[in-house]
């Protein structure tokens, strides 16, 4: 199989997800931007329907909201299909992929902990990286963290 994106997959995405904006970044990397309420369905289509696997997901605090990208790879073609969405800061909720994709478990937990995104339907959003005493409303990867962390009072060990 040629190492590039599949036109057939992208055509099918266009038919099933008419709101999708497809950007071919490189022959082996395609971004598919959809509204957050379509991420779950598109991820399920790529995973179950096309045999892609989840490599990782990334999140970043932007001026528009928390941008989440789920990076799926079609291994035999060596290509990535990246589902991109923005979760608005006044409603940091998106449907979890864990109902059909257990591999999303830890990365969604990390994004919840570090960026404050609530993944509805996630089985366990318990923190992975911060101390038990860490305030649950303080998210280290958020843009306002530089100001907010100054309010923390830390106890020094004797």
C-alpha atoms as a PDB file:
ATOM      1  CA  UNK A   1       0.000   0.000   0.000  1.00  0.00           C
ATOM      2  CA  UNK A   2       1.250   3.464  -0.864  1.00  0.00           C
ATOM      3  CA  UNK A   3       2.300   5.554   2.130  1.00  0.00           C
ATOM      4  CA  UNK A   4      -0.221   8.374   1.836  1.00  0.00           C
ATOM      5  CA  UNK A   5      -3.729   9.267   2.946  1.00  0.00           C
ATOM      6  CA  UNK A   6      -6.653   7.389   1.465  1.00  0.00           C
ATOM      7  CA  UNK A   7      -8.905   9.455  -0.800  1.00  0.00           C
ATOM      8  CA  UNK A   8     -11.629   6.853  -0.251  1.00  0.00           C
ATOM      9  CA  UNK A   9     -11.495   7.300   3.532  1.00  0.00           C
ATOM     10  CA  UNK A  10     -11.632  11.092   3.210  1.00  0.00           C
ATOM     11  CA  UNK A  11     -14.549  10.895   0.760  1.00  0.00           C
ATOM     12  CA  UNK A  12     -16.421   8.700   3.201  1.00  0.00           C
ATOM     13  CA  UNK A  13     -15.628  11.128   6.034  1.00  0.00           C
ATOM     14  CA  UNK A  14     -17.031  13.955   3.911  1.00  0.00           C
ATOM     15  CA  UNK A  15     -20.281  12.052   3.310  1.00  0.00           C
ATOM     16  CA  UNK A  16     -20.765  10.890   6.906  1.00  0.00           C
ATOM     17  CA  UNK A  17     -19.564  14.146   8.509  1.00  0.00           C
ATOM     18  CA  UNK A  18     -20.571  17.072   6.286  1.00  0.00           C
ATOM     19  CA  UNK A  19     -19.385  19.604   8.915  1.00  0.00           C
ATOM     20  CA  UNK A  20     -15.847  18.190   8.753  1.00  0.00           C
ATOM     21  CA  UNK A  21     -13.078  20.421   7.440  1.00  0.00           C
ATOM     22  CA  UNK A  22     -10.306  18.299   5.961  1.00  0.00           C
ATOM     23  CA  UNK A  23      -6.776  19.670   5.659  1.00  0.00           C
ATOM     24  CA  UNK A  24      -4.115  17.544   4.020  1.00  0.00           C
ATOM     25  CA  UNK A  25      -1.035  18.663   5.870  1.00  0.00           C
ATOM     26  CA  UNK A  26       1.311  16.184   4.146  1.00  0.00           C
ATOM     27  CA  UNK A  27       0.882  12.965   2.160  1.00  0.00           C
ATOM     28  CA  UNK A  28       0.942  10.982   5.405  1.00  0.00           C
ATOM     29  CA  UNK A  29      -0.835  13.445   7.761  1.00  0.00           C
ATOM     30  CA  UNK A  30      -4.407  14.699   7.471  1.00  0.00           C
ATOM     31  CA  UNK A  31      -6.335  16.868   9.921  1.00  0.00           C
ATOM     32  CA  UNK A  32     -10.101  16.522  10.176  1.00  0.00           C
ATOM     33  CA  UNK A  33     -11.686  19.344  12.161  1.00  0.00           C
ATOM     34  CA  UNK A  34     -15.183  18.677  13.488  1.00  0.00           C
ATOM     35  CA  UNK A  35     -17.474  20.138  16.151  1.00  0.00           C
ATOM     36  CA  UNK A  36     -16.943  18.476  19.519  1.00  0.00           C
ATOM     37  CA  UNK A  37     -20.279  16.638  19.353  1.00  0.00           C
ATOM     38  CA  UNK A  38     -19.016  14.723  16.279  1.00  0.00           C
ATOM     39  CA  UNK A  39     -15.619  13.651  17.654  1.00  0.00           C
ATOM     40  CA  UNK A  40     -16.953  10.467  19.265  1.00  0.00           C
ATOM     41  CA  UNK A  41     -18.692   9.301  16.064  1.00  0.00           C
ATOM     42  CA  UNK A  42     -15.753  10.154  13.808  1.00  0.00           C
ATOM     43  CA  UNK A  43     -13.288   8.405  16.124  1.00  0.00           C
ATOM     44  CA  UNK A  44     -15.513   5.337  16.203  1.00  0.00           C
ATOM     45  CA  UNK A  45     -15.719   5.389  12.388  1.00  0.00           C
ATOM     46  CA  UNK A  46     -11.919   5.536  12.029  1.00  0.00           C
ATOM     47  CA  UNK A  47     -11.268   2.933  14.737  1.00  0.00           C
ATOM     48  CA  UNK A  48     -13.988   0.367  14.127  1.00  0.00           C
ATOM     49  CA  UNK A  49     -14.863   1.117  10.512  1.00  0.00           C
ATOM     50  CA  UNK A  50     -11.433   1.719   9.003  1.00  0.00           C
ATOM     51  CA  UNK A  51      -9.089  -0.150  11.327  1.00  0.00           C
ATOM     52  CA  UNK A  52      -7.154   2.875  12.521  1.00  0.00           C
ATOM     53  CA  UNK A  53      -5.636   2.825  15.978  1.00  0.00           C
ATOM     54  CA  UNK A  54      -5.269   5.629  18.488  1.00  0.00           C
ATOM     55  CA  UNK A  55      -1.628   6.662  18.793  1.00  0.00           C
ATOM     56  CA  UNK A  56      -2.114   9.493  21.296  1.00  0.00           C
ATOM     57  CA  UNK A  57      -4.210  12.559  21.919  1.00  0.00           C
ATOM     58  CA  UNK A  58      -3.012  16.079  22.602  1.00  0.00           C
ATOM     59  CA  UNK A  59      -4.588  19.085  24.213  1.00  0.00           C
ATOM     60  CA  UNK A  60      -3.597  22.742  24.287  1.00  0.00           C
ATOM     61  CA  UNK A  61      -5.153  25.818  25.824  1.00  0.00           C
ATOM     62  CA  UNK A  62      -5.703  28.344  23.020  1.00  0.00           C
ATOM     63  CA  UNK A  63      -7.492  31.681  23.014  1.00  0.00           C
ATOM     64  CA  UNK A  64     -10.522  29.989  21.400  1.00  0.00           C
ATOM     65  CA  UNK A  65     -10.727  27.136  23.929  1.00  0.00           C
ATOM     66  CA  UNK A  66      -9.065  23.826  24.671  1.00  0.00           C
ATOM     67  CA  UNK A  67      -7.997  22.291  21.369  1.00  0.00           C
ATOM     68  CA  UNK A  68      -8.004  18.500  21.420  1.00  0.00           C
ATOM     69  CA  UNK A  69      -6.481  16.367  18.697  1.00  0.00           C
ATOM     70  CA  UNK A  70      -6.917  12.600  18.629  1.00  0.00           C
ATOM     71  CA  UNK A  71      -4.124  11.134  16.484  1.00  0.00           C
ATOM     72  CA  UNK A  72      -5.184   7.967  14.669  1.00  0.00           C
ATOM     73  CA  UNK A  73      -2.862   5.961  12.461  1.00  0.00           C
ATOM     74  CA  UNK A  74      -3.586   3.530   9.683  1.00  0.00           C
ATOM     75  CA  UNK A  75      -0.498   1.409  10.230  1.00  0.00           C
ATOM     76  CA  UNK A  76      -0.373  -0.466   6.919  1.00  0.00           C
ATOM     77  CA  UNK A  77      -0.426   2.846   5.044  1.00  0.00           C
ATOM     78  CA  UNK A  78       1.796   4.723   7.502  1.00  0.00           C
ATOM     79  CA  UNK A  79      -0.690   7.589   7.615  1.00  0.00           C
ATOM     80  CA  UNK A  80      -2.230   9.703  10.349  1.00  0.00           C
ATOM     81  CA  UNK A  81      -5.802  10.943  10.516  1.00  0.00           C
ATOM     82  CA  UNK A  82      -5.968  13.582  13.222  1.00  0.00           C
ATOM     83  CA  UNK A  83      -9.380  14.492  14.619  1.00  0.00           C
ATOM     84  CA  UNK A  84      -9.267  18.086  15.767  1.00  0.00           C
ATOM     85  CA  UNK A  85     -11.855  20.019  17.795  1.00  0.00           C
ATOM     86  CA  UNK A  86     -12.085  22.963  20.161  1.00  0.00           C
ATOM     87  CA  UNK A  87     -13.884  22.697  23.483  1.00  0.00           C
ATOM     88  CA  UNK A  88     -15.079  26.142  24.631  1.00  0.00           C
ATOM     89  CA  UNK A  89     -13.732  27.336  27.980  1.00  0.00           C
ATOM     90  CA  UNK A  90     -17.211  28.117  29.289  1.00  0.00           C
ATOM     91  CA  UNK A  91     -18.275  24.468  28.784  1.00  0.00           C
ATOM     92  CA  UNK A  92     -15.248  22.175  29.053  1.00  0.00           C
ATOM     93  CA  UNK A  93     -17.144  18.969  28.307  1.00  0.00           C
ATOM     94  CA  UNK A  94     -16.680  16.425  25.534  1.00  0.00           C
ATOM     95  CA  UNK A  95     -17.778  12.810  25.218  1.00  0.00           C
ATOM     96  CA  UNK A  96     -15.134  10.276  26.229  1.00  0.00           C
ATOM     97  CA  UNK A  97     -13.911   7.720  23.704  1.00  0.00           C
ATOM     98  CA  UNK A  98     -13.360   5.080  26.387  1.00  0.00           C
ATOM     99  CA  UNK A  99     -16.712   3.358  25.736  1.00  0.00           C
ATOM    100  CA  UNK A 100     -15.245   1.738  22.607  1.00  0.00           C
ATOM    101  CA  UNK A 101     -11.572   2.688  22.847  1.00  0.00           C
ATOM    102  CA  UNK A 102      -9.926   1.730  26.170  1.00  0.00           C
ATOM    103  CA  UNK A 103      -6.614   3.213  24.961  1.00  0.00           C
ATOM    104  CA  UNK A 104      -8.111   6.696  25.449  1.00  0.00           C
ATOM    105  CA  UNK A 105      -8.401   6.149  29.208  1.00  0.00           C
ATOM    106  CA  UNK A 106      -5.139   7.576  30.516  1.00  0.00           C
ATOM    107  CA  UNK A 107      -4.698  10.400  28.007  1.00  0.00           C
ATOM    108  CA  UNK A 108      -8.209  11.669  28.728  1.00  0.00           C
ATOM    109  CA  UNK A 109      -7.413  11.498  32.439  1.00  0.00           C
ATOM    110  CA  UNK A 110      -4.272  13.550  31.835  1.00  0.00           C
ATOM    111  CA  UNK A 111      -6.149  16.186  29.819  1.00  0.00           C
ATOM    112  CA  UNK A 112      -8.806  16.338  32.530  1.00  0.00           C
ATOM    113  CA  UNK A 113      -6.182  16.849  35.198  1.00  0.00           C
ATOM    114  CA  UNK A 114      -3.870  19.228  33.335  1.00  0.00           C
ATOM    115  CA  UNK A 115      -6.377  21.213  31.236  1.00  0.00           C
ATOM    116  CA  UNK A 116      -9.693  20.845  33.084  1.00  0.00           C
ATOM    117  CA  UNK A 117     -11.611  19.061  30.316  1.00  0.00           C
ATOM    118  CA  UNK A 118     -14.492  16.921  31.566  1.00  0.00           C
ATOM    119  CA  UNK A 119     -14.769  13.739  29.492  1.00  0.00           C
ATOM    120  CA  UNK A 120     -18.389  12.686  29.973  1.00  0.00           C
ATOM    121  CA  UNK A 121     -18.823   8.940  30.298  1.00  0.00           C
ATOM    122  CA  UNK A 122     -15.200   8.380  31.337  1.00  0.00           C
ATOM    123  CA  UNK A 123     -15.032   5.578  33.920  1.00  0.00           C
ATOM    124  CA  UNK A 124     -12.392   7.173  36.173  1.00  0.00           C
ATOM    125  CA  UNK A 125     -11.140  10.748  35.930  1.00  0.00           C
ATOM    126  CA  UNK A 126      -8.880  10.328  38.968  1.00  0.00           C
ATOM    127  CA  UNK A 127      -5.640  12.373  38.643  1.00  0.00           C
ATOM    128  CA  UNK A 128      -2.512  10.602  37.429  1.00  0.00           C
ATOM    129  CA  UNK A 129       0.243  13.199  37.742  1.00  0.00           C
ATOM    130  CA  UNK A 130      -0.463  15.680  40.521  1.00  0.00           C
ATOM    131  CA  UNK A 131      -0.294  15.122  44.259  1.00  0.00           C
ATOM    132  CA  UNK A 132      -3.422  14.152  46.187  1.00  0.00           C
ATOM    133  CA  UNK A 133      -3.334  17.578  47.842  1.00  0.00           C
ATOM    134  CA  UNK A 134      -3.302  19.393  44.481  1.00  0.00           C
ATOM    135  CA  UNK A 135      -6.382  21.652  44.062  1.00  0.00           C
ATOM    136  CA  UNK A 136      -8.790  20.029  41.576  1.00  0.00           C
ATOM    137  CA  UNK A 137      -9.640  23.386  40.002  1.00  0.00           C
ATOM    138  CA  UNK A 138      -6.015  24.277  39.201  1.00  0.00           C
ATOM    139  CA  UNK A 139      -4.788  23.013  35.834  1.00  0.00           C
ATOM    140  CA  UNK A 140      -1.042  23.352  35.133  1.00  0.00           C
ATOM    141  CA  UNK A 141      -1.278  23.426  31.311  1.00  0.00           C
ATOM    142  CA  UNK A 142      -3.866  26.197  31.172  1.00  0.00           C
ATOM    143  CA  UNK A 143      -2.939  29.674  30.020  1.00  0.00           C
ATOM    144  CA  UNK A 144      -4.055  31.235  33.308  1.00  0.00           C
ATOM    145  CA  UNK A 145      -1.945  28.854  35.403  1.00  0.00           C
ATOM    146  CA  UNK A 146       0.926  31.349  35.657  1.00  0.00           C
ATOM    147  CA  UNK A 147      -1.367  33.680  37.573  1.00  0.00           C
ATOM    148  CA  UNK A 148      -3.358  31.065  39.451  1.00  0.00           C
ATOM    149  CA  UNK A 149      -0.407  29.110  40.860  1.00  0.00           C
ATOM    150  CA  UNK A 150       0.705  32.163  42.831  1.00  0.00           C
ATOM    151  CA  UNK A 151      -2.316  31.617  45.086  1.00  0.00           C
ATOM    152  CA  UNK A 152      -1.083  28.183  46.136  1.00  0.00           C
ATOM    153  CA  UNK A 153       0.366  27.922  49.577  1.00  0.00           C
ATOM    154  CA  UNK A 154       2.911  25.179  49.818  1.00  0.00           C
ATOM    155  CA  UNK A 155       4.236  23.701  52.986  1.00  0.00           C
ATOM    156  CA  UNK A 156       7.966  23.193  53.199  1.00  0.00           C
ATOM    157  CA  UNK A 157       9.259  20.028  54.756  1.00  0.00           C
ATOM    158  CA  UNK A 158      11.276  20.515  57.900  1.00  0.00           C
END
